[in-house]
């Protein structure tokens, strides 16, 4: 067995990595999880890997800690506490503003395209159903996150490293943006559903939603941070109880299987390495023993139906947030003591 190694900073704050799935407005569940962790105040986030809505949550959260760096607080613990407060405020502002945009989003070409997608998919491209490439989330995100500040303070231990996955349209491979490449374009590329939006061009390459290649990508947290604990916030179900029958149900299950495939592959690889280390079949220290943890909202969110991933009324988003907070509190009560000790993901 691998020897347990505690990840911490002075003062008893535990350090973990976060892996945040995408899933449209269901990302408000993740908002609730993050809000509970930030309210707790007992965690420092070394790295956050996110895709689509998970990428937006990651950038907004990290920007709160970057803003705290600008305040000139001398004590590292006071700065961390202030960063938690600012991150909570920014996440709340972001999602509540999404809620106020609900009527506009519902009337946007992208929303109409989503509702009519089963009929439009074989016929019309985004350039036809959404010729102006309208996406009000870009403007909101740009107003919420100062990306220059996020890049400037990225090396400070109180500011989480952000990793964002998008899919290169030409190569079909996932690309992880980090460091100075964390920009508004990188976030929007990670959330670019090809049926709804024009591809996002970055450095001469075009990108689609990162969920096709990594939802989210775990490997940057393994190779680019020194922390071995990863908390996965999952909002897409891996298993379902009922066989999909209607075309919309079938298409949604295809999307779930597709968007979970890369994650499952990484989790299998991590489990394989864990087993090799536990059995003493590889040299000690040659591979990292990753301790995976999970807050799983997939089964709960599945009950709302796939069409609610585009539902943005404030009441619905606040309901998801409350359920995310409840799930986080349950997870903390049952698993906090195992962080730095052993994996709890089953």
Protein backbone atom coordinates (compact mmCIF):
# COMPACT_ATOMS: atom_id res chain seq x y z
CA UNK A 1 0.00 0.00 0.00
CA UNK A 2 1.12 3.54 -0.67
CA UNK A 3 2.02 5.47 2.43
CA UNK A 4 -0.57 8.18 3.16
CA UNK A 5 0.71 11.68 2.53
CA UNK A 6 -1.16 14.67 3.87
CA UNK A 7 -1.51 17.65 1.57
CA UNK A 8 -1.76 20.82 3.63
CA UNK A 9 -0.60 24.37 4.22
CA UNK A 10 0.21 25.92 7.62
CA UNK A 11 -2.91 26.43 9.68
CA UNK A 12 -4.49 23.07 8.88
CA UNK A 13 -6.00 24.07 5.53
CA UNK A 14 -6.17 21.02 3.27
CA UNK A 15 -5.08 21.34 -0.34
CA UNK A 16 -6.94 19.54 -3.10
CA UNK A 17 -7.47 19.68 -6.84
CA UNK A 18 -10.89 20.13 -8.42
CA UNK A 19 -12.18 18.51 -11.61
CA UNK A 20 -15.41 20.11 -12.84
CA UNK A 21 -17.65 18.57 -15.49
CA UNK A 22 -19.65 20.53 -18.01
CA UNK A 23 -23.38 20.24 -18.57
CA UNK A 24 -25.00 23.55 -19.48
CA UNK A 25 -27.12 25.18 -16.79
CA UNK A 26 -26.69 22.05 -14.67
CA UNK A 27 -23.34 23.66 -13.86
CA UNK A 28 -25.33 25.55 -11.21
CA UNK A 29 -25.17 22.32 -9.18
CA UNK A 30 -21.38 22.70 -9.27
CA UNK A 31 -21.81 26.33 -8.20
CA UNK A 32 -23.54 25.02 -5.07
CA UNK A 33 -20.75 22.52 -4.38
CA UNK A 34 -18.09 25.21 -4.76
CA UNK A 35 -20.07 27.63 -2.62
CA UNK A 36 -20.16 25.11 0.22
CA UNK A 37 -16.42 24.37 -0.05
CA UNK A 38 -15.58 28.08 -0.10
CA UNK A 39 -17.91 28.79 2.81
CA UNK A 40 -16.17 26.04 4.76
CA UNK A 41 -12.87 27.83 4.16
CA UNK A 42 -10.79 24.78 4.98
CA UNK A 43 -9.52 24.08 1.49
CA UNK A 44 -6.91 25.50 -0.80
CA UNK A 45 -7.25 24.59 -4.46
CA UNK A 46 -3.96 23.82 -6.16
CA UNK A 47 -5.48 23.25 -9.59
CA UNK A 48 -8.91 23.29 -11.18
CA UNK A 49 -9.60 21.45 -14.42
CA UNK A 50 -12.90 22.30 -16.05
CA UNK A 51 -14.81 21.81 -19.26
CA UNK A 52 -17.69 23.89 -20.65
CA UNK A 53 -19.74 25.12 -17.66
CA UNK A 54 -17.02 23.58 -15.49
CA UNK A 55 -14.46 25.81 -17.20
CA UNK A 56 -16.60 28.86 -16.48
CA UNK A 57 -16.94 27.87 -12.83
CA UNK A 58 -13.18 27.30 -12.64
CA UNK A 59 -12.29 30.69 -14.10
CA UNK A 60 -14.79 32.58 -11.95
CA UNK A 61 -13.64 30.85 -8.76
CA UNK A 62 -9.95 31.38 -9.47
CA UNK A 63 -10.53 35.04 -10.30
CA UNK A 64 -11.82 35.59 -6.77
CA UNK A 65 -8.46 34.50 -5.36
CA UNK A 66 -6.62 36.58 -7.96
CA UNK A 67 -8.64 39.61 -6.86
CA UNK A 68 -7.65 38.93 -3.24
CA UNK A 69 -3.99 39.14 -4.28
CA UNK A 70 -4.60 42.75 -5.33
CA UNK A 71 -5.66 43.78 -1.83
CA UNK A 72 -2.14 43.64 -0.38
CA UNK A 73 -3.07 41.42 2.56
CA UNK A 74 0.13 40.44 4.37
CA UNK A 75 -1.10 37.32 6.15
CA UNK A 76 -1.48 34.34 3.80
CA UNK A 77 -4.38 32.91 5.80
CA UNK A 78 -6.29 36.18 5.83
CA UNK A 79 -5.71 36.46 2.09
CA UNK A 80 -7.03 32.93 1.61
CA UNK A 81 -10.15 33.71 3.65
CA UNK A 82 -10.74 36.88 1.64
CA UNK A 83 -10.24 34.93 -1.57
CA UNK A 84 -12.93 32.46 -0.49
CA UNK A 85 -15.33 35.34 0.14
CA UNK A 86 -14.61 36.99 -3.21
CA UNK A 87 -14.88 33.70 -5.08
CA UNK A 88 -18.28 33.04 -3.51
CA UNK A 89 -19.46 36.53 -4.43
CA UNK A 90 -18.28 36.22 -8.01
CA UNK A 91 -19.84 32.79 -8.52
CA UNK A 92 -23.13 34.03 -7.08
CA UNK A 93 -23.02 37.13 -9.29
CA UNK A 94 -22.25 35.05 -12.38
CA UNK A 95 -25.03 32.50 -11.94
CA UNK A 96 -27.65 34.96 -10.70
CA UNK A 97 -26.91 37.14 -13.72
CA UNK A 98 -27.33 34.08 -15.94
CA UNK A 99 -30.74 33.79 -14.28
CA UNK A 100 -31.64 37.37 -15.16
CA UNK A 101 -30.61 36.71 -18.75
CA UNK A 102 -33.08 33.84 -18.91
CA UNK A 103 -35.65 35.57 -21.08
CA UNK A 104 -32.99 36.84 -23.46
CA UNK A 105 -31.34 33.44 -23.69
CA UNK A 106 -34.70 31.81 -24.33
CA UNK A 107 -35.26 34.16 -27.25
CA UNK A 108 -31.79 33.79 -28.71
CA UNK A 109 -31.16 31.89 -31.95
CA UNK A 110 -29.01 29.40 -30.06
CA UNK A 111 -31.88 28.51 -27.73
CA UNK A 112 -34.32 28.07 -30.60
CA UNK A 113 -31.75 25.89 -32.34
CA UNK A 114 -31.42 23.76 -29.20
CA UNK A 115 -35.18 23.27 -28.97
CA UNK A 116 -35.42 22.36 -32.65
CA UNK A 117 -32.14 20.45 -32.76
CA UNK A 118 -33.66 17.03 -33.59
CA UNK A 119 -35.12 18.55 -36.76
CA UNK A 120 -32.40 21.09 -37.56
CA UNK A 121 -29.38 18.83 -37.05
CA UNK A 122 -29.53 17.14 -40.47
CA UNK A 123 -30.32 20.39 -42.28
CA UNK A 124 -28.94 23.62 -40.82
CA UNK A 125 -25.52 24.64 -39.49
CA UNK A 126 -24.90 27.21 -36.71
CA UNK A 127 -24.02 29.78 -39.39
CA UNK A 128 -27.63 29.45 -40.57
CA UNK A 129 -29.59 29.19 -37.32
CA UNK A 130 -27.33 31.61 -35.40
CA UNK A 131 -25.63 33.71 -38.11
CA UNK A 132 -24.49 36.46 -35.71
CA UNK A 133 -23.01 33.87 -33.32
CA UNK A 134 -24.93 35.39 -30.40
CA UNK A 135 -23.77 34.15 -27.00
CA UNK A 136 -24.53 36.50 -24.08
CA UNK A 137 -22.43 34.33 -21.76
CA UNK A 138 -19.27 35.67 -23.41
CA UNK A 139 -20.12 39.23 -22.37
CA UNK A 140 -21.07 38.15 -18.85
CA UNK A 141 -17.89 36.11 -18.39
CA UNK A 142 -15.74 38.95 -19.69
CA UNK A 143 -17.30 41.31 -17.14
CA UNK A 144 -16.90 38.81 -14.31
CA UNK A 145 -13.33 37.59 -14.84
CA UNK A 146 -10.29 39.80 -15.38
CA UNK A 147 -8.23 37.27 -17.30
CA UNK A 148 -5.10 39.44 -17.29
CA UNK A 149 -5.16 39.46 -13.49
CA UNK A 150 -5.75 35.71 -13.40
CA UNK A 151 -2.68 35.14 -15.59
CA UNK A 152 -0.59 37.65 -13.63
CA UNK A 153 -1.12 35.89 -10.28
CA UNK A 154 -1.24 32.30 -11.56
CA UNK A 155 1.98 31.25 -9.80
CA UNK A 156 0.90 32.32 -6.31
CA UNK A 157 -0.08 29.33 -4.12
CA UNK A 158 -3.35 30.97 -3.08
CA UNK A 159 -4.48 31.30 -6.71
CA UNK A 160 -5.60 28.01 -8.29
CA UNK A 161 -4.04 26.94 -11.56
CA UNK A 162 -6.79 26.73 -14.16
CA UNK A 163 -6.86 24.05 -16.87
CA UNK A 164 -9.48 24.23 -19.60
CA UNK A 165 -10.13 21.52 -22.18
CA UNK A 166 -11.38 22.17 -25.73
CA UNK A 167 -11.52 19.90 -28.78
CA UNK A 168 -9.41 20.75 -31.82
CA UNK A 169 -11.79 20.44 -34.78
CA UNK A 170 -9.00 19.63 -37.26
CA UNK A 171 -7.17 16.97 -35.25
CA UNK A 172 -10.02 15.68 -33.10
CA UNK A 173 -7.72 15.83 -30.08
CA UNK A 174 -8.32 17.55 -26.80
CA UNK A 175 -6.19 20.56 -26.01
CA UNK A 176 -5.72 21.83 -22.48
CA UNK A 177 -5.29 25.58 -22.11
CA UNK A 178 -3.44 26.84 -19.06
CA UNK A 179 -1.17 29.63 -17.76
CA UNK A 180 -1.11 32.62 -20.13
CA UNK A 181 -3.46 30.80 -22.54
CA UNK A 182 -6.38 31.11 -20.12
CA UNK A 183 -8.45 33.68 -22.01
CA UNK A 184 -12.08 34.39 -22.73
CA UNK A 185 -11.65 32.55 -26.05
CA UNK A 186 -10.32 29.43 -24.30
CA UNK A 187 -13.32 29.31 -21.97
CA UNK A 188 -15.80 29.88 -24.79
CA UNK A 189 -14.06 27.24 -26.92
CA UNK A 190 -14.49 24.75 -24.10
CA UNK A 191 -18.23 25.48 -24.12
CA UNK A 192 -18.72 25.62 -27.90
CA UNK A 193 -21.39 23.09 -28.81
CA UNK A 194 -20.97 22.66 -32.57
CA UNK A 195 -24.73 22.38 -33.17
CA UNK A 196 -25.31 25.83 -31.67
CA UNK A 197 -22.23 28.02 -32.06
CA UNK A 198 -19.55 28.82 -34.59
CA UNK A 199 -16.17 27.22 -33.76
CA UNK A 200 -13.81 29.38 -31.70
CA UNK A 201 -10.54 30.18 -33.45
CA UNK A 202 -7.39 30.40 -31.32
CA UNK A 203 -3.93 30.76 -32.85
CA UNK A 204 -5.19 29.62 -36.24
CA UNK A 205 -6.95 26.48 -34.96
CA UNK A 206 -10.69 26.01 -34.51
CA UNK A 207 -12.18 24.46 -31.37
CA UNK A 208 -15.40 22.85 -30.24
CA UNK A 209 -16.70 21.85 -26.82
CA UNK A 210 -14.08 20.16 -24.67
CA UNK A 211 -16.50 17.46 -23.58
CA UNK A 212 -15.68 15.41 -26.67
CA UNK A 213 -12.08 15.02 -25.50
CA UNK A 214 -12.04 15.55 -21.74
CA UNK A 215 -15.01 16.19 -19.47
CA UNK A 216 -12.99 17.17 -17.56
CA UNK A 217 -9.35 16.33 -18.23
CA UNK A 218 -7.72 14.80 -15.14
CA UNK A 219 -4.14 14.43 -16.38
CA UNK A 220 -3.16 18.13 -16.02
CA UNK A 221 -3.88 17.83 -12.31
CA UNK A 222 -1.58 14.80 -12.14
CA UNK A 223 1.36 16.28 -14.04
CA UNK A 224 1.04 20.02 -13.38
CA UNK A 225 0.36 20.11 -9.63
CA UNK A 226 2.04 18.51 -6.62
CA UNK A 227 -1.22 17.51 -4.94
CA UNK A 228 -2.47 13.93 -5.12
CA UNK A 229 -6.10 14.48 -4.06
CA UNK A 230 -8.65 15.24 -6.81
CA UNK A 231 -12.29 16.00 -6.09
CA UNK A 232 -14.43 15.33 -9.16
CA UNK A 233 -17.75 17.16 -9.34
CA UNK A 234 -19.78 15.06 -11.75
CA UNK A 235 -23.04 16.23 -13.32
CA UNK A 236 -23.43 13.75 -16.19
CA UNK A 237 -24.69 10.28 -15.18
CA UNK A 238 -22.48 7.32 -16.03
CA UNK A 239 -25.20 4.75 -15.45
CA UNK A 240 -28.94 5.11 -16.06
CA UNK A 241 -31.88 3.09 -14.76
CA UNK A 242 -34.30 3.26 -17.67
CA UNK A 243 -33.69 2.40 -21.31
CA UNK A 244 -34.04 5.49 -23.54
CA UNK A 245 -36.96 5.12 -25.94
CA UNK A 246 -37.78 8.44 -27.58
CA UNK A 247 -35.39 10.05 -30.05
CA UNK A 248 -34.63 12.87 -27.61
CA UNK A 249 -33.83 10.35 -24.86
CA UNK A 250 -31.65 8.32 -27.22
CA UNK A 251 -29.75 11.41 -28.37
CA UNK A 252 -29.23 12.55 -24.79
CA UNK A 253 -27.85 9.14 -23.81
CA UNK A 254 -25.51 9.24 -26.82
CA UNK A 255 -24.27 12.63 -25.60
CA UNK A 256 -23.77 11.33 -22.06
CA UNK A 257 -21.82 8.29 -23.25
CA UNK A 258 -19.71 10.44 -25.60
CA UNK A 259 -18.99 13.12 -23.01
CA UNK A 260 -18.13 10.58 -20.30
CA UNK A 261 -15.89 8.35 -22.45
CA UNK A 262 -12.62 10.23 -21.97
CA UNK A 263 -13.24 10.67 -18.24
CA UNK A 264 -13.90 6.95 -17.78
CA UNK A 265 -10.70 6.13 -19.68
CA UNK A 266 -8.65 8.35 -17.37
CA UNK A 267 -10.32 6.95 -14.27
CA UNK A 268 -9.55 3.39 -15.41
CA UNK A 269 -5.90 4.34 -15.96
CA UNK A 270 -5.69 5.93 -12.50
CA UNK A 271 -7.27 2.86 -10.91
CA UNK A 272 -4.81 0.59 -12.76
CA UNK A 273 -1.80 2.56 -11.48
CA UNK A 274 -3.26 2.56 -7.96
CA UNK A 275 -3.48 -1.22 -8.08
CA UNK A 276 0.09 -1.59 -9.35
CA UNK A 277 1.38 0.61 -6.53
CA UNK A 278 -0.65 -1.20 -3.87
CA UNK A 279 0.62 -4.57 -5.10
CA UNK A 280 4.22 -3.35 -5.18
CA UNK A 281 4.57 -4.05 -8.90
CA UNK A 282 6.11 -0.67 -9.74
CA UNK A 283 8.96 1.19 -8.11
CA UNK A 284 7.93 3.40 -5.25
CA UNK A 285 7.79 7.01 -6.39
CA UNK A 286 7.83 6.20 -10.09
CA UNK A 287 4.11 6.94 -10.44
CA UNK A 288 1.82 9.17 -8.43
CA UNK A 289 -0.76 7.49 -6.25
CA UNK A 290 -3.80 9.66 -7.00
CA UNK A 291 -6.55 9.81 -4.41
CA UNK A 292 -9.80 10.32 -6.29
CA UNK A 293 -12.92 11.67 -4.59
CA UNK A 294 -16.31 12.44 -6.12
CA UNK A 295 -19.45 14.46 -5.51
CA UNK A 296 -21.89 12.90 -7.97
CA UNK A 297 -24.93 14.87 -9.04
CA UNK A 298 -25.52 12.85 -12.20
CA UNK A 299 -28.41 10.69 -10.99
CA UNK A 300 -30.16 13.64 -9.38
CA UNK A 301 -29.78 15.94 -12.37
CA UNK A 302 -30.96 13.23 -14.74
CA UNK A 303 -34.42 13.47 -13.19
CA UNK A 304 -34.80 17.00 -14.56
CA UNK A 305 -34.41 15.93 -18.19
CA UNK A 306 -31.85 16.91 -20.80
CA UNK A 307 -33.82 19.92 -22.01
CA UNK A 308 -33.23 21.65 -18.67
CA UNK A 309 -29.54 22.02 -19.52
CA UNK A 310 -30.66 25.13 -21.42
CA UNK A 311 -33.07 26.27 -18.69
CA UNK A 312 -31.77 29.45 -17.08
CA UNK A 313 -34.55 30.90 -14.92
CA UNK A 314 -33.19 32.02 -11.57
CA UNK A 315 -35.47 29.77 -9.52
CA UNK A 316 -34.20 26.66 -11.27
CA UNK A 317 -30.54 27.71 -10.96
CA UNK A 318 -30.94 28.45 -7.25
CA UNK A 319 -32.59 25.07 -6.76
CA UNK A 320 -29.62 23.34 -8.39
CA UNK A 321 -27.25 25.42 -6.27
CA UNK A 322 -29.05 24.38 -3.08
CA UNK A 323 -28.82 20.72 -4.08
CA UNK A 324 -25.13 21.13 -4.84
CA UNK A 325 -24.55 22.66 -1.41
CA UNK A 326 -26.42 19.81 0.25
CA UNK A 327 -24.39 17.21 -1.66
CA UNK A 328 -21.15 18.95 -0.69
CA UNK A 329 -22.09 19.07 2.99
CA UNK A 330 -22.91 15.36 2.94
CA UNK A 331 -19.62 14.57 1.23
CA UNK A 332 -17.64 16.67 3.72
CA UNK A 333 -19.28 15.00 6.68
CA UNK A 334 -18.53 11.53 5.35
CA UNK A 335 -15.15 11.99 3.67
CA UNK A 336 -13.20 15.03 4.90
CA UNK A 337 -11.06 12.88 7.19
CA UNK A 338 -9.83 10.80 4.23
CA UNK A 339 -8.35 13.67 2.23
CA UNK A 340 -4.63 13.04 2.08
CA UNK A 341 -5.17 9.49 3.35
CA UNK A 342 -6.98 7.36 0.78
CA UNK A 343 -9.30 7.63 -2.23
CA UNK A 344 -13.03 7.63 -1.47
CA UNK A 345 -14.39 7.40 -5.01
CA UNK A 346 -16.18 4.12 -5.65
